[in-house]
Amino acid sequence: GRGPIQDFLADQSKRNHLWLMAGTFSLQSEEASRVHN
């Protein structure tokens, strides 16, 4: 829900009037050493 990558994606979908499926990137998990893809 927050962070520069998510802000970038929200802006790009609005700017280009697109439904945008954002490949994959990392979201933090309950484990410091692993993330969600």
Full PDB file with SEQRES, HELIX, SHEET, SSBOND, CRYST1, ORIGX, SCALE, CONECT and MASTER records, all heavy atoms in Angstrom:
SEQRES   1 A   37  GLY ARG GLY PRO ILE GLN ASP PHE LEU ALA ASP GLN SER          
SEQRES   2 A   37  LYS ARG ASN HIS LEU TRP LEU MET ALA GLY THR PHE SER          
SEQRES   3 A   37  LEU GLN SER GLU GLU ALA SER ARG VAL HIS ASN                  
HELIX    1 AA1 PRO A    4  ASN A   16  1                                  13    
SHEET    1 AA1 2 LEU A  27  GLN A  28  0                                        
SHEET    2 AA1 2 VAL A  35  HIS A  36 -1                                        
CRYST1    1.000    1.000    1.000  90.00  90.00  90.00 P 1           1          
ORIGX1      1.000000  0.000000  0.000000        0.00000                         
ORIGX2      0.000000  1.000000  0.000000        0.00000                         
ORIGX3      0.000000  0.000000  1.000000        0.00000                         
SCALE1      1.000000  0.000000  0.000000        0.00000                         
SCALE2      0.000000  1.000000  0.000000        0.00000                         
SCALE3      0.000000  0.000000  1.000000        0.00000                         
ATOM      1  N   GLY A   1       0.778  -1.228   0.000  1.00  0.00           N  
ATOM      2  CA  GLY A   1       0.000   0.000   0.000  1.00  0.00           C  
ATOM      3  C   GLY A   1       0.809   1.277   0.000  1.00  0.00           C  
ATOM      4  O   GLY A   1       0.256   2.360  -0.214  1.00  0.00           O  
ATOM      5  N   ARG A   2       2.121   1.175   0.195  1.00  0.00           N  
ATOM      6  CA  ARG A   2       2.926   2.393   0.162  1.00  0.00           C  
ATOM      7  C   ARG A   2       4.365   2.072  -0.219  1.00  0.00           C  
ATOM      8  O   ARG A   2       4.871   0.985   0.060  1.00  0.00           O  
ATOM      9  CB  ARG A   2       2.888   3.138   1.492  1.00  0.00           C  
ATOM     10  CG  ARG A   2       3.295   2.333   2.696  1.00  0.00           C  
ATOM     11  CD  ARG A   2       3.053   3.137   3.971  1.00  0.00           C  
ATOM     12  NE  ARG A   2       3.227   2.349   5.176  1.00  0.00           N  
ATOM     13  CZ  ARG A   2       4.380   2.190   5.814  1.00  0.00           C  
ATOM     14  NH1 ARG A   2       5.456   2.799   5.350  1.00  0.00           N  
ATOM     15  NH2 ARG A   2       4.452   1.448   6.900  1.00  0.00           N  
ATOM     16  N   GLY A   3       5.000   3.040  -0.867  1.00  0.00           N  
ATOM     17  CA  GLY A   3       6.380   2.878  -1.302  1.00  0.00           C  
ATOM     18  C   GLY A   3       6.564   3.470  -2.685  1.00  0.00           C  
ATOM     19  O   GLY A   3       5.597   3.636  -3.447  1.00  0.00           O  
ATOM     20  N   PRO A   4       7.789   3.800  -3.044  1.00  0.00           N  
ATOM     21  CA  PRO A   4       8.046   4.470  -4.328  1.00  0.00           C  
ATOM     22  C   PRO A   4       7.671   3.641  -5.546  1.00  0.00           C  
ATOM     23  O   PRO A   4       7.239   4.206  -6.564  1.00  0.00           O  
ATOM     24  CB  PRO A   4       9.542   4.770  -4.288  1.00  0.00           C  
ATOM     25  CG  PRO A   4      10.103   3.867  -3.234  1.00  0.00           C  
ATOM     26  CD  PRO A   4       9.014   3.675  -2.235  1.00  0.00           C  
ATOM     27  N   ILE A   5       7.840   2.324  -5.497  1.00  0.00           N  
ATOM     28  CA  ILE A   5       7.474   1.501  -6.650  1.00  0.00           C  
ATOM     29  C   ILE A   5       5.957   1.487  -6.824  1.00  0.00           C  
ATOM     30  O   ILE A   5       5.445   1.658  -7.945  1.00  0.00           O  
ATOM     31  CB  ILE A   5       8.031   0.071  -6.505  1.00  0.00           C  
ATOM     32  CG1 ILE A   5       9.562   0.090  -6.487  1.00  0.00           C  
ATOM     33  CG2 ILE A   5       7.525  -0.822  -7.645  1.00  0.00           C  
ATOM     34  CD1 ILE A   5      10.193  -1.249  -6.194  1.00  0.00           C  
ATOM     35  N   GLN A   6       5.239   1.321  -5.747  1.00  0.00           N  
ATOM     36  CA  GLN A   6       3.775   1.327  -5.838  1.00  0.00           C  
ATOM     37  C   GLN A   6       3.249   2.705  -6.245  1.00  0.00           C  
ATOM     38  O   GLN A   6       2.285   2.809  -7.004  1.00  0.00           O  
ATOM     39  CB  GLN A   6       3.167   0.882  -4.513  1.00  0.00           C  
ATOM     40  CG  GLN A   6       3.429  -0.599  -4.230  1.00  0.00           C  
ATOM     41  CD  GLN A   6       3.067  -0.990  -2.821  1.00  0.00           C  
ATOM     42  OE1 GLN A   6       1.917  -1.342  -2.548  1.00  0.00           O  
ATOM     43  NE2 GLN A   6       4.030  -0.926  -1.919  1.00  0.00           N  
ATOM     44  N   ASP A   7       3.881   3.764  -5.757  1.00  0.00           N  
ATOM     45  CA  ASP A   7       3.497   5.118  -6.187  1.00  0.00           C  
ATOM     46  C   ASP A   7       3.733   5.293  -7.682  1.00  0.00           C  
ATOM     47  O   ASP A   7       2.914   5.896  -8.390  1.00  0.00           O  
ATOM     48  CB  ASP A   7       4.303   6.166  -5.412  1.00  0.00           C  
ATOM     49  CG  ASP A   7       3.915   6.244  -3.944  1.00  0.00           C  
ATOM     50  OD1 ASP A   7       2.845   5.716  -3.576  1.00  0.00           O  
ATOM     51  OD2 ASP A   7       4.692   6.832  -3.164  1.00  0.00           O  
ATOM     52  N   PHE A   8       4.858   4.779  -8.158  1.00  0.00           N  
ATOM     53  CA  PHE A   8       5.186   4.843  -9.590  1.00  0.00           C  
ATOM     54  C   PHE A   8       4.116   4.133 -10.411  1.00  0.00           C  
ATOM     55  O   PHE A   8       3.643   4.651 -11.432  1.00  0.00           O  
ATOM     56  CB  PHE A   8       6.557   4.205  -9.820  1.00  0.00           C  
ATOM     57  CG  PHE A   8       6.866   3.898 -11.258  1.00  0.00           C  
ATOM     58  CD1 PHE A   8       7.368   4.885 -12.097  1.00  0.00           C  
ATOM     59  CD2 PHE A   8       6.673   2.620 -11.772  1.00  0.00           C  
ATOM     60  CE1 PHE A   8       7.660   4.600 -13.429  1.00  0.00           C  
ATOM     61  CE2 PHE A   8       6.967   2.327 -13.094  1.00  0.00           C  
ATOM     62  CZ  PHE A   8       7.462   3.328 -13.928  1.00  0.00           C  
ATOM     63  N   LEU A   9       3.712   2.952  -9.978  1.00  0.00           N  
ATOM     64  CA  LEU A   9       2.733   2.168 -10.730  1.00  0.00           C  
ATOM     65  C   LEU A   9       1.373   2.845 -10.756  1.00  0.00           C  
ATOM     66  O   LEU A   9       0.709   2.892 -11.801  1.00  0.00           O  
ATOM     67  CB  LEU A   9       2.631   0.765 -10.127  1.00  0.00           C  
ATOM     68  CG  LEU A   9       3.898  -0.077 -10.253  1.00  0.00           C  
ATOM     69  CD1 LEU A   9       3.808  -1.307  -9.360  1.00  0.00           C  
ATOM     70  CD2 LEU A   9       4.136  -0.480 -11.698  1.00  0.00           C  
ATOM     71  N   ALA A  10       0.946   3.372  -9.616  1.00  0.00           N  
ATOM     72  CA  ALA A  10      -0.333   4.077  -9.568  1.00  0.00           C  
ATOM     73  C   ALA A  10      -0.309   5.285 -10.498  1.00  0.00           C  
ATOM     74  O   ALA A  10      -1.284   5.550 -11.232  1.00  0.00           O  
ATOM     75  CB  ALA A  10      -0.641   4.504  -8.135  1.00  0.00           C  
ATOM     76  N   ASP A  11       0.794   6.012 -10.487  1.00  0.00           N  
ATOM     77  CA  ASP A  11       0.924   7.183 -11.348  1.00  0.00           C  
ATOM     78  C   ASP A  11       0.915   6.795 -12.825  1.00  0.00           C  
ATOM     79  O   ASP A  11       0.267   7.458 -13.652  1.00  0.00           O  
ATOM     80  CB  ASP A  11       2.207   7.931 -11.014  1.00  0.00           C  
ATOM     81  CG  ASP A  11       2.449   9.122 -11.936  1.00  0.00           C  
ATOM     82  OD1 ASP A  11       1.690  10.103 -11.843  1.00  0.00           O  
ATOM     83  OD2 ASP A  11       3.379   9.054 -12.763  1.00  0.00           O  
ATOM     84  N   GLN A  12       1.616   5.708 -13.171  1.00  0.00           N  
ATOM     85  CA  GLN A  12       1.688   5.290 -14.568  1.00  0.00           C  
ATOM     86  C   GLN A  12       0.335   4.812 -15.095  1.00  0.00           C  
ATOM     87  O   GLN A  12      -0.014   5.066 -16.253  1.00  0.00           O  
ATOM     88  CB  GLN A  12       2.734   4.186 -14.733  1.00  0.00           C  
ATOM     89  CG  GLN A  12       4.167   4.675 -14.605  1.00  0.00           C  
ATOM     90  CD  GLN A  12       4.544   5.653 -15.694  1.00  0.00           C  
ATOM     91  OE1 GLN A  12       4.260   5.430 -16.865  1.00  0.00           O  
ATOM     92  NE2 GLN A  12       5.178   6.750 -15.309  1.00  0.00           N  
ATOM     93  N   SER A  13      -0.421   4.134 -14.268  1.00  0.00           N  
ATOM     94  CA  SER A  13      -1.738   3.676 -14.720  1.00  0.00           C  
ATOM     95  C   SER A  13      -2.655   4.867 -14.986  1.00  0.00           C  
ATOM     96  O   SER A  13      -3.397   4.882 -15.978  1.00  0.00           O  
ATOM     97  CB  SER A  13      -2.357   2.724 -13.697  1.00  0.00           C  
ATOM     98  OG  SER A  13      -2.537   3.355 -12.440  1.00  0.00           O  
ATOM     99  N   LYS A  14      -2.600   5.880 -14.110  1.00  0.00           N  
ATOM    100  CA  LYS A  14      -3.408   7.090 -14.321  1.00  0.00           C  
ATOM    101  C   LYS A  14      -2.904   7.891 -15.514  1.00  0.00           C  
ATOM    102  O   LYS A  14      -3.695   8.338 -16.359  1.00  0.00           O  
ATOM    103  CB  LYS A  14      -3.379   7.963 -13.060  1.00  0.00           C  
ATOM    104  CG  LYS A  14      -4.195   7.433 -11.903  1.00  0.00           C  
ATOM    105  CD  LYS A  14      -4.332   8.461 -10.805  1.00  0.00           C  
ATOM    106  CE  LYS A  14      -3.007   8.775 -10.142  1.00  0.00           C  
ATOM    107  NZ  LYS A  14      -3.167   9.705  -8.989  1.00  0.00           N  
ATOM    108  N   ARG A  15      -1.608   8.092 -15.567  1.00  0.00           N  
ATOM    109  CA  ARG A  15      -1.013   8.926 -16.612  1.00  0.00           C  
ATOM    110  C   ARG A  15      -1.313   8.379 -18.013  1.00  0.00           C  
ATOM    111  O   ARG A  15      -1.532   9.140 -18.958  1.00  0.00           O  
ATOM    112  CB  ARG A  15       0.499   8.997 -16.384  1.00  0.00           C  
ATOM    113  CG  ARG A  15       1.265   9.895 -17.345  1.00  0.00           C  
ATOM    114  CD  ARG A  15       2.766   9.758 -17.094  1.00  0.00           C  
ATOM    115  NE  ARG A  15       3.109  10.105 -15.734  1.00  0.00           N  
ATOM    116  CZ  ARG A  15       3.452  11.324 -15.319  1.00  0.00           C  
ATOM    117  NH1 ARG A  15       3.486  12.318 -16.191  1.00  0.00           N  
ATOM    118  NH2 ARG A  15       3.764  11.547 -14.057  1.00  0.00           N  
ATOM    119  N   ASN A  16      -1.320   7.045 -18.124  1.00  0.00           N  
ATOM    120  CA  ASN A  16      -1.502   6.415 -19.434  1.00  0.00           C  
ATOM    121  C   ASN A  16      -2.901   5.827 -19.634  1.00  0.00           C  
ATOM    122  O   ASN A  16      -3.163   5.196 -20.654  1.00  0.00           O  
ATOM    123  CB  ASN A  16      -0.456   5.312 -19.617  1.00  0.00           C  
ATOM    124  CG  ASN A  16       0.955   5.850 -19.666  1.00  0.00           C  
ATOM    125  OD1 ASN A  16       1.316   6.555 -20.604  1.00  0.00           O  
ATOM    126  ND2 ASN A  16       1.755   5.541 -18.653  1.00  0.00           N  
ATOM    127  N   HIS A  17      -3.782   6.024 -18.645  1.00  0.00           N  
ATOM    128  CA  HIS A  17      -5.165   5.536 -18.731  1.00  0.00           C  
ATOM    129  C   HIS A  17      -5.195   4.035 -19.030  1.00  0.00           C  
ATOM    130  O   HIS A  17      -5.885   3.575 -19.945  1.00  0.00           O  
ATOM    131  CB  HIS A  17      -5.941   6.319 -19.797  1.00  0.00           C  
ATOM    132  CG  HIS A  17      -5.856   7.798 -19.644  1.00  0.00           C  
ATOM    133  ND1 HIS A  17      -6.475   8.484 -18.613  1.00  0.00           N  
ATOM    134  CD2 HIS A  17      -5.202   8.740 -20.370  1.00  0.00           C  
ATOM    135  CE1 HIS A  17      -6.227   9.775 -18.714  1.00  0.00           C  
ATOM    136  NE2 HIS A  17      -5.442   9.963 -19.766  1.00  0.00           N  
ATOM    137  N   LEU A  18      -4.445   3.279 -18.240  1.00  0.00           N  
ATOM    138  CA  LEU A  18      -4.279   1.845 -18.455  1.00  0.00           C  
ATOM    139  C   LEU A  18      -4.748   1.026 -17.262  1.00  0.00           C  
ATOM    140  O   LEU A  18      -4.593   1.434 -16.103  1.00  0.00           O  
ATOM    141  CB  LEU A  18      -2.794   1.515 -18.668  1.00  0.00           C  
ATOM    142  CG  LEU A  18      -2.117   1.927 -19.961  1.00  0.00           C  
ATOM    143  CD1 LEU A  18      -0.612   1.760 -19.819  1.00  0.00           C  
ATOM    144  CD2 LEU A  18      -2.639   1.107 -21.135  1.00  0.00           C  
ATOM    145  N   TRP A  19      -5.295  -0.132 -17.564  1.00  0.00           N  
ATOM    146  CA  TRP A  19      -5.270  -1.207 -16.583  1.00  0.00           C  
ATOM    147  C   TRP A  19      -3.837  -1.746 -16.620  1.00  0.00           C  
ATOM    148  O   TRP A  19      -3.372  -2.206 -17.665  1.00  0.00           O  
ATOM    149  CB  TRP A  19      -6.265  -2.306 -16.935  1.00  0.00           C  
ATOM    150  CG  TRP A  19      -7.669  -1.964 -16.571  1.00  0.00           C  
ATOM    151  CD1 TRP A  19      -8.572  -1.284 -17.339  1.00  0.00           C  
ATOM    152  CD2 TRP A  19      -8.325  -2.270 -15.336  1.00  0.00           C  
ATOM    153  NE1 TRP A  19      -9.755  -1.145 -16.661  1.00  0.00           N  
ATOM    154  CE2 TRP A  19      -9.642  -1.745 -15.432  1.00  0.00           C  
ATOM    155  CE3 TRP A  19      -7.946  -2.938 -14.169  1.00  0.00           C  
ATOM    156  CZ2 TRP A  19     -10.562  -1.866 -14.398  1.00  0.00           C  
ATOM    157  CZ3 TRP A  19      -8.859  -3.060 -13.143  1.00  0.00           C  
ATOM    158  CH2 TRP A  19     -10.145  -2.534 -13.246  1.00  0.00           C  
ATOM    159  N   LEU A  20      -3.145  -1.662 -15.500  1.00  0.00           N  
ATOM    160  CA  LEU A  20      -1.725  -1.998 -15.454  1.00  0.00           C  
ATOM    161  C   LEU A  20      -1.482  -3.154 -14.497  1.00  0.00           C  
ATOM    162  O   LEU A  20      -1.739  -3.043 -13.299  1.00  0.00           O  
ATOM    163  CB  LEU A  20      -0.906  -0.780 -15.007  1.00  0.00           C  
ATOM    164  CG  LEU A  20       0.587  -0.999 -14.749  1.00  0.00           C  
ATOM    165  CD1 LEU A  20       1.276  -1.562 -15.986  1.00  0.00           C  
ATOM    166  CD2 LEU A  20       1.243   0.306 -14.305  1.00  0.00           C  
ATOM    167  N   MET A  21      -0.994  -4.263 -15.064  1.00  0.00           N  
ATOM    168  CA  MET A  21      -0.588  -5.387 -14.232  1.00  0.00           C  
ATOM    169  C   MET A  21       0.919  -5.317 -14.083  1.00  0.00           C  
ATOM    170  O   MET A  21       1.668  -5.415 -15.062  1.00  0.00           O  
ATOM    171  CB  MET A  21      -1.022  -6.716 -14.840  1.00  0.00           C  
ATOM    172  CG  MET A  21      -0.812  -7.885 -13.892  1.00  0.00           C  
ATOM    173  SD  MET A  21      -1.651  -9.386 -14.423  1.00  0.00           S  
ATOM    174  CE  MET A  21      -3.359  -8.979 -14.064  1.00  0.00           C  
ATOM    175  N   ALA A  22       1.336  -5.143 -12.840  1.00  0.00           N  
ATOM    176  CA  ALA A  22       2.700  -4.690 -12.578  1.00  0.00           C  
ATOM    177  C   ALA A  22       3.669  -5.845 -12.395  1.00  0.00           C  
ATOM    178  O   ALA A  22       4.324  -5.965 -11.353  1.00  0.00           O  
ATOM    179  CB  ALA A  22       2.716  -3.781 -11.359  1.00  0.00           C  
ATOM    180  N   GLY A  23       3.783  -6.690 -13.418  1.00  0.00           N  
ATOM    181  CA  GLY A  23       4.822  -7.724 -13.388  1.00  0.00           C  
ATOM    182  C   GLY A  23       4.923  -8.326 -12.005  1.00  0.00           C  
ATOM    183  O   GLY A  23       3.932  -8.782 -11.444  1.00  0.00           O  
ATOM    184  N   THR A  24       6.126  -8.311 -11.427  1.00  0.00           N  
ATOM    185  CA  THR A  24       6.260  -8.599  -9.999  1.00  0.00           C  
ATOM    186  C   THR A  24       7.332  -7.706  -9.400  1.00  0.00           C  
ATOM    187  O   THR A  24       8.248  -7.247 -10.080  1.00  0.00           O  
ATOM    188  CB  THR A  24       6.648 -10.068  -9.705  1.00  0.00           C  
ATOM    189  OG1 THR A  24       8.009 -10.293 -10.071  1.00  0.00           O  
ATOM    190  CG2 THR A  24       5.729 -11.046 -10.400  1.00  0.00           C  
ATOM    191  N   PHE A  25       7.177  -7.483  -8.102  1.00  0.00           N  
ATOM    192  CA  PHE A  25       8.186  -6.804  -7.300  1.00  0.00           C  
ATOM    193  C   PHE A  25       8.010  -7.298  -5.870  1.00  0.00           C  
ATOM    194  O   PHE A  25       7.135  -8.127  -5.584  1.00  0.00           O  
ATOM    195  CB  PHE A  25       8.059  -5.275  -7.408  1.00  0.00           C  
ATOM    196  CG  PHE A  25       6.804  -4.720  -6.822  1.00  0.00           C  
ATOM    197  CD1 PHE A  25       6.811  -4.109  -5.576  1.00  0.00           C  
ATOM    198  CD2 PHE A  25       5.602  -4.812  -7.503  1.00  0.00           C  
ATOM    199  CE1 PHE A  25       5.639  -3.596  -5.029  1.00  0.00           C  
ATOM    200  CE2 PHE A  25       4.436  -4.294  -6.974  1.00  0.00           C  
ATOM    201  CZ  PHE A  25       4.456  -3.687  -5.729  1.00  0.00           C  
ATOM    202  N   SER A  26       8.827  -6.809  -4.966  1.00  0.00           N  
ATOM    203  CA  SER A  26       8.880  -7.363  -3.613  1.00  0.00           C  
ATOM    204  C   SER A  26       8.001  -6.587  -2.642  1.00  0.00           C  
ATOM    205  O   SER A  26       8.107  -5.362  -2.542  1.00  0.00           O  
ATOM    206  CB  SER A  26      10.323  -7.355  -3.093  1.00  0.00           C  
ATOM    207  OG  SER A  26      11.168  -8.078  -3.952  1.00  0.00           O  
ATOM    208  N   LEU A  27       7.156  -7.333  -1.925  1.00  0.00           N  
ATOM    209  CA  LEU A  27       6.449  -6.780  -0.788  1.00  0.00           C  
ATOM    210  C   LEU A  27       6.944  -7.469   0.477  1.00  0.00           C  
ATOM    211  O   LEU A  27       7.176  -8.683   0.496  1.00  0.00           O  
ATOM    212  CB  LEU A  27       4.942  -6.979  -0.922  1.00  0.00           C  
ATOM    213  CG  LEU A  27       4.216  -6.093  -1.946  1.00  0.00           C  
ATOM    214  CD1 LEU A  27       2.712  -6.361  -1.903  1.00  0.00           C  
ATOM    215  CD2 LEU A  27       4.501  -4.613  -1.713  1.00  0.00           C  
ATOM    216  N   GLN A  28       7.123  -6.687   1.519  1.00  0.00           N  
ATOM    217  CA  GLN A  28       7.655  -7.210   2.765  1.00  0.00           C  
ATOM    218  C   GLN A  28       6.713  -8.249   3.372  1.00  0.00           C  
ATOM    219  O   GLN A  28       5.501  -8.208   3.158  1.00  0.00           O  
ATOM    220  CB  GLN A  28       7.891  -6.068   3.761  1.00  0.00           C  
ATOM    221  CG  GLN A  28       8.973  -5.095   3.330  1.00  0.00           C  
ATOM    222  CD  GLN A  28       9.122  -3.933   4.282  1.00  0.00           C  
ATOM    223  OE1 GLN A  28       8.589  -3.941   5.392  1.00  0.00           O  
ATOM    224  NE2 GLN A  28       9.853  -2.909   3.855  1.00  0.00           N  
ATOM    225  N   SER A  29       7.315  -9.171   4.107  1.00  0.00           N  
ATOM    226  CA  SER A  29       6.555 -10.218   4.788  1.00  0.00           C  
ATOM    227  C   SER A  29       6.841 -10.149   6.277  1.00  0.00           C  
ATOM    228  O   SER A  29       7.551  -9.256   6.757  1.00  0.00           O  
ATOM    229  CB  SER A  29       6.963 -11.595   4.243  1.00  0.00           C  
ATOM    230  OG  SER A  29       8.261 -11.947   4.701  1.00  0.00           O  
ATOM    231  N   GLU A  30       6.317 -11.117   6.990  1.00  0.00           N  
ATOM    232  CA  GLU A  30       6.578 -11.180   8.432  1.00  0.00           C  
ATOM    233  C   GLU A  30       7.989 -11.660   8.721  1.00  0.00           C  
ATOM    234  O   GLU A  30       8.452 -11.598   9.867  1.00  0.00           O  
ATOM    235  CB  GLU A  30       5.566 -12.108   9.108  1.00  0.00           C  
ATOM    236  CG  GLU A  30       5.614 -13.570   8.666  1.00  0.00           C  
ATOM    237  CD  GLU A  30       4.868 -13.848   7.371  1.00  0.00           C  
ATOM    238  OE1 GLU A  30       4.403 -12.880   6.731  1.00  0.00           O  
ATOM    239  OE2 GLU A  30       4.761 -15.040   7.007  1.00  0.00           O  
ATOM    240  N   GLU A  31       8.717 -12.127   7.691  1.00  0.00           N  
ATOM    241  CA  GLU A  31      10.095 -12.578   7.848  1.00  0.00           C  
ATOM    242  C   GLU A  31      11.047 -11.527   7.277  1.00  0.00           C  
ATOM    243  O   GLU A  31      10.890 -11.107   6.130  1.00  0.00           O  
ATOM    244  CB  GLU A  31      10.321 -13.902   7.122  1.00  0.00           C  
ATOM    245  CG  GLU A  31       9.485 -15.061   7.652  1.00  0.00           C  
ATOM    246  CD  GLU A  31       9.788 -16.350   6.911  1.00  0.00           C  
ATOM    247  OE1 GLU A  31      10.895 -16.461   6.339  1.00  0.00           O  
ATOM    248  OE2 GLU A  31       8.915 -17.233   6.890  1.00  0.00           O  
ATOM    249  N   ALA A  32      12.032 -11.136   8.045  1.00  0.00           N  
ATOM    250  CA  ALA A  32      12.973 -10.106   7.594  1.00  0.00           C  
ATOM    251  C   ALA A  32      13.821 -10.584   6.426  1.00  0.00           C  
ATOM    252  O   ALA A  32      14.261  -9.775   5.595  1.00  0.00           O  
ATOM    253  CB  ALA A  32      13.863  -9.671   8.746  1.00  0.00           C  
ATOM    254  N   SER A  33      14.046 -11.888   6.329  1.00  0.00           N  
ATOM    255  CA  SER A  33      14.957 -12.416   5.312  1.00  0.00           C  
ATOM    256  C   SER A  33      14.257 -12.889   4.043  1.00  0.00           C  
ATOM    257  O   SER A  33      14.910 -13.346   3.113  1.00  0.00           O  
ATOM    258  CB  SER A  33      15.765 -13.584   5.897  1.00  0.00           C  
ATOM    259  OG  SER A  33      14.894 -14.638   6.288  1.00  0.00           O  
ATOM    260  N   ARG A  34      12.920 -12.779   3.995  1.00  0.00           N  
ATOM    261  CA  ARG A  34      12.187 -13.205   2.808  1.00  0.00           C  
ATOM    262  C   ARG A  34      11.048 -12.227   2.519  1.00  0.00           C  
ATOM    263  O   ARG A  34      10.505 -11.601   3.421  1.00  0.00           O  
ATOM    264  CB  ARG A  34      11.617 -14.626   2.964  1.00  0.00           C  
ATOM    265  CG  ARG A  34      12.687 -15.701   3.073  1.00  0.00           C  
ATOM    266  CD  ARG A  34      12.135 -17.073   2.708  1.00  0.00           C  
ATOM    267  NE  ARG A  34      11.105 -17.523   3.644  1.00  0.00           N  
ATOM    268  CZ  ARG A  34      10.355 -18.628   3.447  1.00  0.00           C  
ATOM    269  NH1 ARG A  34      10.545 -19.367   2.364  1.00  0.00           N  
ATOM    270  NH2 ARG A  34       9.455 -18.975   4.340  1.00  0.00           N  
ATOM    271  N   VAL A  35      10.710 -12.126   1.231  1.00  0.00           N  
ATOM    272  CA  VAL A  35       9.651 -11.227   0.788  1.00  0.00           C  
ATOM    273  C   VAL A  35       8.634 -12.022  -0.035  1.00  0.00           C  
ATOM    274  O   VAL A  35       8.831 -13.195  -0.334  1.00  0.00           O  
ATOM    275  CB  VAL A  35      10.224 -10.073  -0.069  1.00  0.00           C  
ATOM    276  CG1 VAL A  35      11.068  -9.149   0.775  1.00  0.00           C  
ATOM    277  CG2 VAL A  35      11.025 -10.627  -1.260  1.00  0.00           C  
ATOM    278  N   HIS A  36       7.548 -11.356  -0.398  1.00  0.00           N  
ATOM    279  CA  HIS A  36       6.593 -11.918  -1.346  1.00  0.00           C  
ATOM    280  C   HIS A  36       6.950 -11.431  -2.745  1.00  0.00           C  
ATOM    281  O   HIS A  36       7.280 -10.255  -2.933  1.00  0.00           O  
ATOM    282  CB  HIS A  36       5.169 -11.476  -1.005  1.00  0.00           C  
ATOM    283  CG  HIS A  36       4.684 -11.951   0.325  1.00  0.00           C  
ATOM    284  ND1 HIS A  36       4.332 -13.254   0.572  1.00  0.00           N  
ATOM    285  CD2 HIS A  36       4.500 -11.276   1.492  1.00  0.00           C  
ATOM    286  CE1 HIS A  36       3.946 -13.380   1.825  1.00  0.00           C  
ATOM    287  NE2 HIS A  36       4.043 -12.193   2.400  1.00  0.00           N  
ATOM    288  N   ASN A  37       6.902 -12.320  -3.735  1.00  0.00           N  
ATOM    289  CA  ASN A  37       7.070 -11.937  -5.133  1.00  0.00           C  
ATOM    290  C   ASN A  37       5.674 -11.659  -5.662  1.00  0.00           C  
ATOM    291  O   ASN A  37       4.930 -12.573  -6.023  1.00  0.00           O  
ATOM    292  CB  ASN A  37       7.763 -13.057  -5.910  1.00  0.00           C  
ATOM    293  CG  ASN A  37       8.185 -12.621  -7.300  1.00  0.00           C  
ATOM    294  OD1 ASN A  37       8.240 -11.440  -7.602  1.00  0.00           O  
ATOM    295  ND2 ASN A  37       8.476 -13.593  -8.153  1.00  0.00           N  
TER     296      ASN A  37                                                      
MASTER        0    0    0    1    2    0    0    6  295    1    0    3          
END                                                                             
